[in-house]
Amino acid sequence: MREIFVAGSGTVPVSNKHPLGSGRILARQAGLAAMQDAGCTYKDIDALYAGTVMPTSPAAVLVGKEFGLTGIPVVQVSNASASGLAAAHEALHAMEAGTADVVLLIGYDVPTNTDNPIAAQGYLPPVALFAMWAQRRMHDIGTKPEHFAMIAAKNWNYARDIPFAARRADHEVTVEEVLASKEIAPPMTAMMITPWVYGAAAVVLATREGLKRLKNARWPMARIASSEFQTEVYGDRHIIEGAIVGPPEISKTTVAAALEKASVGPKDVDIVQVHDGFAVEELVYCELFGFTQPGETEALLEKGAFGPGSRAKFGLPEFSTDGGLIARGHPAGPTGVFQLIETNRRFRNSDDKVGICHLLGAGSTCVTQILTRTDS
């Protein structure tokens, strides 16, 4: 695998206040910010890859025209919530093949109307399905609503330090506050689930050769050590019609394959960004990724694991360090790009060296990338 780095980034706020139809404007703002951060212009870009979900968000080729007419390939990827990481996966293939050394990767989603694409396909609302996950875990393991609230409060408090996050509390959020928020689908309350928001995020990806074009390339930098993309396989109690993210095992196999390709294991991981649209997910993925065994995760959570200082105290990674889907927000297409940006930020501002970016997409798909810190 050629060495490929996250060399620059740009964002716009994650918000439910962006006007409908403003997708091209927001994508342009995020893309320009990423190129400025990396120290390049659109003339230095070999290809543009875009991740989008909503059917009426603007076409990627129109977003490309916001930057100029340089003749480069523009590729649009749509894989539901996993679209941002899926677009990165495809961009990596082009870079590994030697057809691109500098790529602008943009995730954006702002529709022109408020039609709900999930409802249009006849699915159960995602919150109902994940509430079922939560109820099943409560039955099988004895998980309590307080455990889900601990995860949500942690993520809300991480988001307080993220300027573009959708949910930035002006105080430290408590477990009691999360439990007292409006119940949506028992045991999930409003503060335990992702909000409906829009936004845009962009990164400049570059090979070592491509870094020579960038005026602002600076170390340390996140290197994408591996990328794995899988879809579900049949299993016991499999739900065929209306599946949102398929069986949980899809995350287990995809992450395990990505870790193996990157030649790292669970014990090496410092930070994890996951599809935590609903608080129950972090508990499930923690076990599926090999960090804990079923039955011990809740007890570790009660002691403060998976939050600030978790690596030093418990030997376990921190989860959703920018607030995740619950608090940073889940604007769909940009979400995976935000995960790459957060991992790169942590590498530059802490001692973290290995990170996981993981997303699921309705249908069902799973995309995982392993990032490692490189100092020169």
Protein backbone atom coordinates (compact mmCIF):
# COMPACT_ATOMS: atom_id res chain seq x y z
CA MET A 1 0.00 0.00 0.00
CA ARG A 2 1.37 3.45 -0.92
CA GLU A 3 1.63 5.78 2.04
CA ILE A 4 -1.41 8.07 2.01
CA PHE A 5 -1.86 10.92 4.48
CA VAL A 6 -4.57 13.28 5.71
CA ALA A 7 -2.78 16.50 4.83
CA GLY A 8 -5.43 19.18 5.39
CA SER A 9 -9.01 19.60 6.54
CA GLY A 10 -11.93 22.00 6.43
CA THR A 11 -15.40 22.03 7.95
CA VAL A 12 -18.58 24.01 8.27
CA PRO A 13 -20.75 23.80 11.39
CA VAL A 14 -22.97 20.77 11.81
CA SER A 15 -26.43 22.25 12.19
CA ASN A 16 -30.15 21.93 11.51
CA LYS A 17 -30.21 25.61 10.54
CA HIS A 18 -28.51 25.41 7.14
CA PRO A 19 -31.10 26.41 4.53
CA LEU A 20 -32.40 23.72 2.20
CA GLY A 21 -30.56 23.74 -1.11
CA SER A 22 -27.32 25.17 0.29
CA GLY A 23 -25.29 22.00 -0.33
CA ARG A 24 -23.05 23.46 -3.07
CA ILE A 25 -22.22 26.49 -0.94
CA LEU A 26 -21.33 24.44 2.14
CA ALA A 27 -19.29 21.91 0.13
CA ARG A 28 -17.36 24.77 -1.47
CA GLN A 29 -16.64 26.35 1.92
CA ALA A 30 -15.38 23.07 3.39
CA GLY A 31 -13.32 22.23 0.30
CA LEU A 32 -11.68 25.65 0.11
CA ALA A 33 -10.85 25.50 3.81
CA ALA A 34 -9.24 22.06 3.40
CA MET A 35 -7.13 23.18 0.45
CA GLN A 36 -6.07 26.33 2.30
CA ASP A 37 -5.13 24.22 5.32
CA ALA A 38 -3.01 21.92 3.14
CA GLY A 39 -1.52 24.80 1.16
CA CYS A 40 -2.78 24.00 -2.32
CA THR A 41 -5.31 25.12 -4.91
CA TYR A 42 -7.73 23.18 -7.06
CA LYS A 43 -5.09 23.08 -9.82
CA ASP A 44 -3.03 20.82 -7.56
CA ILE A 45 -5.89 18.31 -7.13
CA ASP A 46 -5.79 15.13 -9.24
CA ALA A 47 -9.31 13.91 -8.42
CA LEU A 48 -12.34 14.82 -6.34
CA TYR A 49 -14.28 12.19 -4.43
CA ALA A 50 -17.56 13.03 -2.72
CA GLY A 51 -19.71 11.14 -0.22
CA THR A 52 -23.42 12.02 -0.18
CA VAL A 53 -26.59 10.29 1.00
CA MET A 54 -29.68 12.40 0.46
CA PRO A 55 -31.17 12.02 -3.03
CA THR A 56 -31.67 15.76 -3.52
CA SER A 57 -28.24 16.87 -2.31
CA PRO A 58 -26.31 18.39 -5.25
CA ALA A 59 -24.42 16.15 -7.65
CA ALA A 60 -20.70 15.96 -7.03
CA VAL A 61 -19.86 17.20 -10.51
CA LEU A 62 -21.73 20.42 -9.72
CA VAL A 63 -19.80 20.76 -6.46
CA GLY A 64 -16.58 20.32 -8.46
CA LYS A 65 -17.53 23.24 -10.67
CA GLU A 66 -17.58 25.44 -7.57
CA PHE A 67 -13.78 25.12 -7.48
CA GLY A 68 -12.98 25.37 -11.18
CA LEU A 69 -12.95 23.54 -14.50
CA THR A 70 -9.73 21.56 -14.54
CA GLY A 71 -10.87 18.36 -16.22
CA ILE A 72 -10.16 16.05 -13.28
CA PRO A 73 -12.37 13.03 -12.51
CA VAL A 74 -15.19 13.66 -10.05
CA VAL A 75 -16.57 10.58 -8.35
CA GLN A 76 -19.73 10.49 -6.25
CA VAL A 77 -20.24 7.66 -3.73
CA SER A 78 -23.44 6.93 -1.84
CA ASN A 79 -23.58 4.23 0.82
CA ALA A 80 -25.98 5.68 3.38
CA SER A 81 -24.31 6.69 6.66
CA ALA A 82 -21.04 5.12 5.54
CA SER A 83 -20.77 7.34 2.44
CA GLY A 84 -17.90 9.52 3.69
CA LEU A 85 -15.64 6.58 4.51
CA ALA A 86 -16.83 4.73 1.40
CA ALA A 87 -15.75 7.69 -0.75
CA ALA A 88 -12.38 7.67 1.03
CA HIS A 89 -12.11 3.92 0.34
CA GLU A 90 -12.56 4.52 -3.38
CA ALA A 91 -10.14 7.47 -3.38
CA LEU A 92 -7.51 5.29 -1.74
CA HIS A 93 -7.83 2.76 -4.56
CA ALA A 94 -7.08 5.44 -7.14
CA MET A 95 -4.10 6.66 -5.15
CA GLU A 96 -2.76 3.15 -4.65
CA ALA A 97 -3.08 2.55 -8.38
CA GLY A 98 -0.91 5.60 -9.05
CA THR A 99 -3.56 7.62 -10.91
CA ALA A 100 -3.73 10.35 -8.24
CA ASP A 101 -1.31 11.81 -5.71
CA VAL A 102 -3.47 14.62 -4.29
CA VAL A 103 -7.22 14.07 -3.80
CA LEU A 104 -9.89 16.37 -2.44
CA LEU A 105 -12.38 14.29 -0.43
CA ILE A 106 -15.65 16.03 0.46
CA GLY A 107 -18.64 14.81 2.39
CA TYR A 108 -21.78 16.95 2.25
CA ASP A 109 -25.52 16.63 2.62
CA VAL A 110 -28.13 19.36 2.43
CA PRO A 111 -31.25 18.36 0.50
CA THR A 112 -33.59 20.63 -1.41
CA ASN A 113 -36.60 19.27 0.49
CA THR A 114 -37.32 17.58 3.80
CA ASP A 115 -38.42 14.18 2.48
CA ASN A 116 -37.03 11.43 4.72
CA PRO A 117 -35.19 8.85 2.55
CA ILE A 118 -35.46 6.15 5.23
CA ALA A 119 -39.21 6.60 5.59
CA ALA A 120 -39.58 6.65 1.81
CA GLN A 121 -38.09 3.14 1.61
CA GLY A 122 -40.50 1.79 4.20
CA TYR A 123 -37.95 1.09 6.93
CA LEU A 124 -38.77 1.15 10.60
CA PRO A 125 -37.38 4.35 12.09
CA PRO A 126 -33.73 3.71 13.05
CA VAL A 127 -34.39 4.77 16.64
CA ALA A 128 -36.94 1.96 16.97
CA LEU A 129 -34.51 -0.66 15.69
CA PHE A 130 -31.66 0.48 17.92
CA ALA A 131 -34.03 0.65 20.87
CA MET A 132 -34.62 -3.04 20.19
CA TRP A 133 -30.85 -3.60 20.34
CA ALA A 134 -30.86 -1.82 23.69
CA GLN A 135 -33.81 -3.79 25.04
CA ARG A 136 -32.19 -7.05 23.99
CA ARG A 137 -28.96 -6.13 25.74
CA MET A 138 -30.85 -5.16 28.88
CA HIS A 139 -32.54 -8.56 28.84
CA ASP A 140 -29.41 -10.61 28.08
CA ILE A 141 -26.72 -8.78 30.07
CA GLY A 142 -28.53 -6.59 32.57
CA THR A 143 -27.56 -3.27 31.02
CA LYS A 144 -29.43 -0.36 32.58
CA PRO A 145 -30.64 2.92 31.04
CA GLU A 146 -27.98 4.63 33.17
CA HIS A 147 -25.27 2.90 31.14
CA PHE A 148 -26.63 4.33 27.89
CA ALA A 149 -26.83 7.74 29.58
CA MET A 150 -23.17 7.48 30.64
CA ILE A 151 -22.12 7.05 27.02
CA ALA A 152 -24.30 9.91 25.84
CA ALA A 153 -23.08 12.28 28.58
CA LYS A 154 -19.47 11.42 27.72
CA ASN A 155 -20.04 12.25 24.07
CA TRP A 156 -21.90 15.47 24.83
CA ASN A 157 -18.99 16.57 27.00
CA TYR A 158 -16.41 15.73 24.32
CA ALA A 159 -18.37 17.91 21.88
CA ARG A 160 -18.04 20.94 24.14
CA ASP A 161 -14.50 21.41 22.78
CA ILE A 162 -15.41 20.94 19.10
CA PRO A 163 -16.27 24.28 17.45
CA PHE A 164 -18.32 22.78 14.60
CA ALA A 165 -20.31 20.30 16.72
CA ALA A 166 -24.10 20.46 16.58
CA ARG A 167 -24.60 19.95 20.31
CA ARG A 168 -22.22 22.13 22.32
CA ALA A 169 -23.48 22.33 25.88
CA ASP A 170 -22.51 25.36 27.98
CA HIS A 171 -22.09 23.12 31.04
CA GLU A 172 -20.94 19.62 31.92
CA VAL A 173 -23.72 17.26 30.91
CA THR A 174 -24.73 14.72 33.56
CA VAL A 175 -26.17 11.23 33.41
CA GLU A 176 -29.27 12.47 35.20
CA GLU A 177 -29.79 15.17 32.57
CA VAL A 178 -29.60 12.62 29.76
CA LEU A 179 -32.08 10.30 31.49
CA ALA A 180 -34.49 13.18 32.09
CA SER A 181 -34.59 14.23 28.43
CA LYS A 182 -37.61 13.32 26.31
CA GLU A 183 -38.12 9.60 25.81
CA ILE A 184 -38.15 8.73 22.10
CA ALA A 185 -38.14 4.91 22.01
CA PRO A 186 -37.58 3.21 25.37
CA PRO A 187 -34.92 3.19 26.71
CA MET A 188 -33.53 5.77 24.24
CA THR A 189 -34.05 9.42 25.19
CA ALA A 190 -33.51 12.44 22.96
CA MET A 191 -30.00 13.06 24.33
CA MET A 192 -28.99 9.44 23.62
CA ILE A 193 -29.65 9.62 19.87
CA THR A 194 -28.23 11.54 16.95
CA PRO A 195 -30.02 14.72 15.82
CA TRP A 196 -31.22 15.42 12.27
CA VAL A 197 -28.61 17.85 10.91
CA TYR A 198 -26.81 19.00 7.77
CA GLY A 199 -23.21 19.98 7.03
CA ALA A 200 -20.02 19.52 5.03
CA ALA A 201 -16.45 18.45 5.69
CA ALA A 202 -13.40 17.97 3.49
CA VAL A 203 -9.87 16.64 3.64
CA VAL A 204 -6.94 16.71 1.27
CA LEU A 205 -5.42 13.25 0.90
CA ALA A 206 -1.87 13.02 -0.40
CA THR A 207 0.75 10.41 -1.15
CA ARG A 208 4.35 11.11 -0.17
CA GLU A 209 4.92 12.35 -3.70
CA GLY A 210 1.80 14.49 -3.48
CA LEU A 211 2.97 16.11 -0.25
CA LYS A 212 5.65 17.91 -2.27
CA ARG A 213 2.90 20.03 -3.87
CA LEU A 214 1.50 21.18 -0.53
CA LYS A 215 2.90 24.33 1.03
CA ASN A 216 1.44 23.69 4.49
CA ALA A 217 2.14 19.98 4.97
CA ARG A 218 3.05 19.55 8.63
CA TRP A 219 3.85 16.71 10.96
CA PRO A 220 2.66 14.67 12.76
CA MET A 221 0.10 13.49 10.26
CA ALA A 222 -2.43 10.68 10.07
CA ARG A 223 -1.53 7.93 7.61
CA ILE A 224 -4.35 5.70 6.39
CA ALA A 225 -2.83 2.30 7.09
CA SER A 226 -5.74 0.21 5.82
CA SER A 227 -9.30 0.38 4.55
CA GLU A 228 -11.85 -2.43 4.58
CA PHE A 229 -15.33 -2.47 3.05
CA GLN A 230 -17.77 -5.35 3.61
CA THR A 231 -21.46 -6.10 3.30
CA GLU A 232 -23.50 -8.42 5.49
CA VAL A 233 -23.68 -12.20 5.25
CA TYR A 234 -26.57 -14.40 6.29
CA GLY A 235 -26.71 -15.44 9.95
CA ASP A 236 -29.10 -16.66 12.64
CA ARG A 237 -32.11 -14.41 13.32
CA HIS A 238 -31.23 -12.44 10.21
CA ILE A 239 -33.61 -9.65 9.23
CA ILE A 240 -33.89 -9.37 5.46
CA GLU A 241 -36.56 -6.76 4.82
CA GLY A 242 -36.11 -3.36 6.41
CA ALA A 243 -32.64 -3.97 7.83
CA ILE A 244 -30.93 -0.71 8.73
CA VAL A 245 -27.39 -1.83 9.54
CA GLY A 246 -27.60 -5.58 9.28
CA PRO A 247 -26.40 -7.98 11.98
CA PRO A 248 -23.83 -6.68 14.48
CA GLU A 249 -21.27 -9.21 13.22
CA ILE A 250 -20.67 -7.08 10.12
CA SER A 251 -18.76 -4.63 12.32
CA LYS A 252 -16.74 -7.43 13.93
CA THR A 253 -15.49 -8.89 10.67
CA THR A 254 -14.82 -5.57 8.95
CA VAL A 255 -12.82 -4.09 11.82
CA ALA A 256 -10.87 -7.32 12.35
CA ALA A 257 -9.88 -7.37 8.68
CA ALA A 258 -8.85 -3.70 8.74
CA LEU A 259 -6.72 -4.21 11.86
CA GLU A 260 -5.01 -7.22 10.30
CA LYS A 261 -4.24 -5.32 7.10
CA ALA A 262 -2.71 -2.51 9.16
CA SER A 263 -0.66 -5.00 11.23
CA VAL A 264 -2.08 -3.72 14.53
CA GLY A 265 -4.35 -5.25 17.14
CA PRO A 266 -6.99 -4.02 19.59
CA LYS A 267 -4.35 -3.43 22.28
CA ASP A 268 -2.59 -0.91 20.00
CA VAL A 269 -5.64 1.31 19.48
CA ASP A 270 -5.80 4.68 21.27
CA ILE A 271 -9.00 6.24 19.86
CA VAL A 272 -12.10 4.94 18.11
CA GLN A 273 -14.68 6.82 16.06
CA VAL A 274 -17.79 4.68 15.54
CA HIS A 275 -21.31 4.75 14.19
CA ASP A 276 -22.71 5.80 17.59
CA GLY A 277 -25.99 7.24 16.39
CA PHE A 278 -27.63 5.56 19.38
CA ALA A 279 -25.93 5.11 22.75
CA VAL A 280 -26.27 1.32 22.79
CA GLU A 281 -23.93 1.05 19.82
CA GLU A 282 -20.72 1.96 21.64
CA LEU A 283 -21.25 -0.89 24.12
CA VAL A 284 -21.84 -3.40 21.34
CA TYR A 285 -18.91 -2.27 19.18
CA CYS A 286 -16.51 -2.20 22.10
CA GLU A 287 -17.00 -5.93 22.43
CA LEU A 288 -17.19 -6.70 18.72
CA PHE A 289 -13.87 -4.91 18.10
CA GLY A 290 -12.15 -7.03 20.74
CA PHE A 291 -11.60 -4.47 23.49
CA THR A 292 -13.80 -6.12 26.14
CA GLN A 293 -15.78 -9.27 26.74
CA PRO A 294 -19.59 -9.32 27.01
CA GLY A 295 -20.60 -8.77 30.59
CA GLU A 296 -17.63 -6.64 31.63
CA THR A 297 -18.15 -3.55 29.48
CA GLU A 298 -20.77 -1.89 31.66
CA ALA A 299 -18.65 -2.31 34.80
CA LEU A 300 -15.69 -0.67 33.07
CA LEU A 301 -17.93 2.13 31.82
CA GLU A 302 -19.05 2.80 35.40
CA LYS A 303 -15.39 3.26 36.38
CA GLY A 304 -14.77 5.82 33.62
CA ALA A 305 -13.46 3.69 30.76
CA PHE A 306 -13.83 4.83 27.13
CA GLY A 307 -13.69 8.51 28.13
CA PRO A 308 -10.78 10.93 28.78
CA GLY A 309 -7.77 9.13 30.25
CA SER A 310 -9.12 5.66 29.42
CA ARG A 311 -5.91 4.49 27.72
CA ALA A 312 -3.68 5.34 30.66
CA LYS A 313 -6.02 4.05 33.36
CA PHE A 314 -7.62 1.00 31.76
CA GLY A 315 -5.56 0.25 28.65
CA LEU A 316 -8.71 0.88 26.61
CA PRO A 317 -9.27 3.44 23.84
CA GLU A 318 -11.37 6.57 24.05
CA PHE A 319 -14.55 6.43 21.95
CA SER A 320 -16.18 9.21 19.88
CA THR A 321 -13.72 11.90 20.94
CA ASP A 322 -15.41 14.71 19.02
CA GLY A 323 -18.84 13.81 20.41
CA GLY A 324 -19.61 11.28 17.71
CA LEU A 325 -22.93 11.07 15.92
CA ILE A 326 -24.76 11.73 19.19
CA ALA A 327 -23.23 15.15 19.90
CA ARG A 328 -21.06 16.26 16.99
CA GLY A 329 -24.02 15.25 14.88
CA HIS A 330 -24.61 12.97 11.92
CA PRO A 331 -25.07 14.96 8.70
CA ALA A 332 -24.77 11.67 6.76
CA GLY A 333 -22.33 12.19 3.87
CA PRO A 334 -19.79 14.23 5.87
CA THR A 335 -19.76 11.97 8.94
CA GLY A 336 -16.90 9.72 7.83
CA VAL A 337 -14.86 12.74 6.79
CA PHE A 338 -15.39 14.25 10.24
CA GLN A 339 -14.02 11.02 11.71
CA LEU A 340 -10.84 11.33 9.65
CA ILE A 341 -10.49 14.97 10.71
CA GLU A 342 -10.93 14.14 14.39
CA THR A 343 -8.37 11.34 14.28
CA ASN A 344 -5.85 13.63 12.60
CA ARG A 345 -6.55 16.32 15.21
CA ARG A 346 -5.92 13.91 18.05
CA PHE A 347 -2.65 12.74 16.52
CA ARG A 348 -1.47 16.35 16.35
CA ASN A 349 -2.60 17.33 19.85
CA SER A 350 -1.98 14.26 21.99
CA ASP A 351 0.10 11.09 22.28
CA ASP A 352 -2.42 8.99 20.32
CA LYS A 353 -0.85 6.83 17.63
CA VAL A 354 -3.51 4.44 16.31
CA GLY A 355 -7.15 5.19 15.53
CA ILE A 356 -10.18 3.40 14.10
CA CYS A 357 -12.81 5.08 11.93
CA HIS A 358 -15.92 2.92 11.55
CA LEU A 359 -19.31 3.50 9.95
CA LEU A 360 -22.32 1.43 9.00
CA GLY A 361 -24.66 2.15 6.12
CA ALA A 362 -28.27 1.12 5.61
CA GLY A 363 -28.58 -1.78 3.31
CA SER A 364 -26.18 -2.96 4.92
CA THR A 365 -22.53 -1.97 4.55
CA CYS A 366 -19.61 -1.41 6.90
CA VAL A 367 -16.49 0.62 6.14
CA THR A 368 -13.50 0.82 8.46
CA GLN A 369 -10.20 2.64 8.15
CA ILE A 370 -7.19 2.32 10.44
CA LEU A 371 -5.13 5.47 10.86
CA THR A 372 -1.64 5.61 12.34
CA ARG A 373 0.37 8.62 13.42
CA THR A 374 3.45 9.42 11.33
CA ASP A 375 5.91 11.99 12.61
CA SER A 376 7.92 12.60 9.44
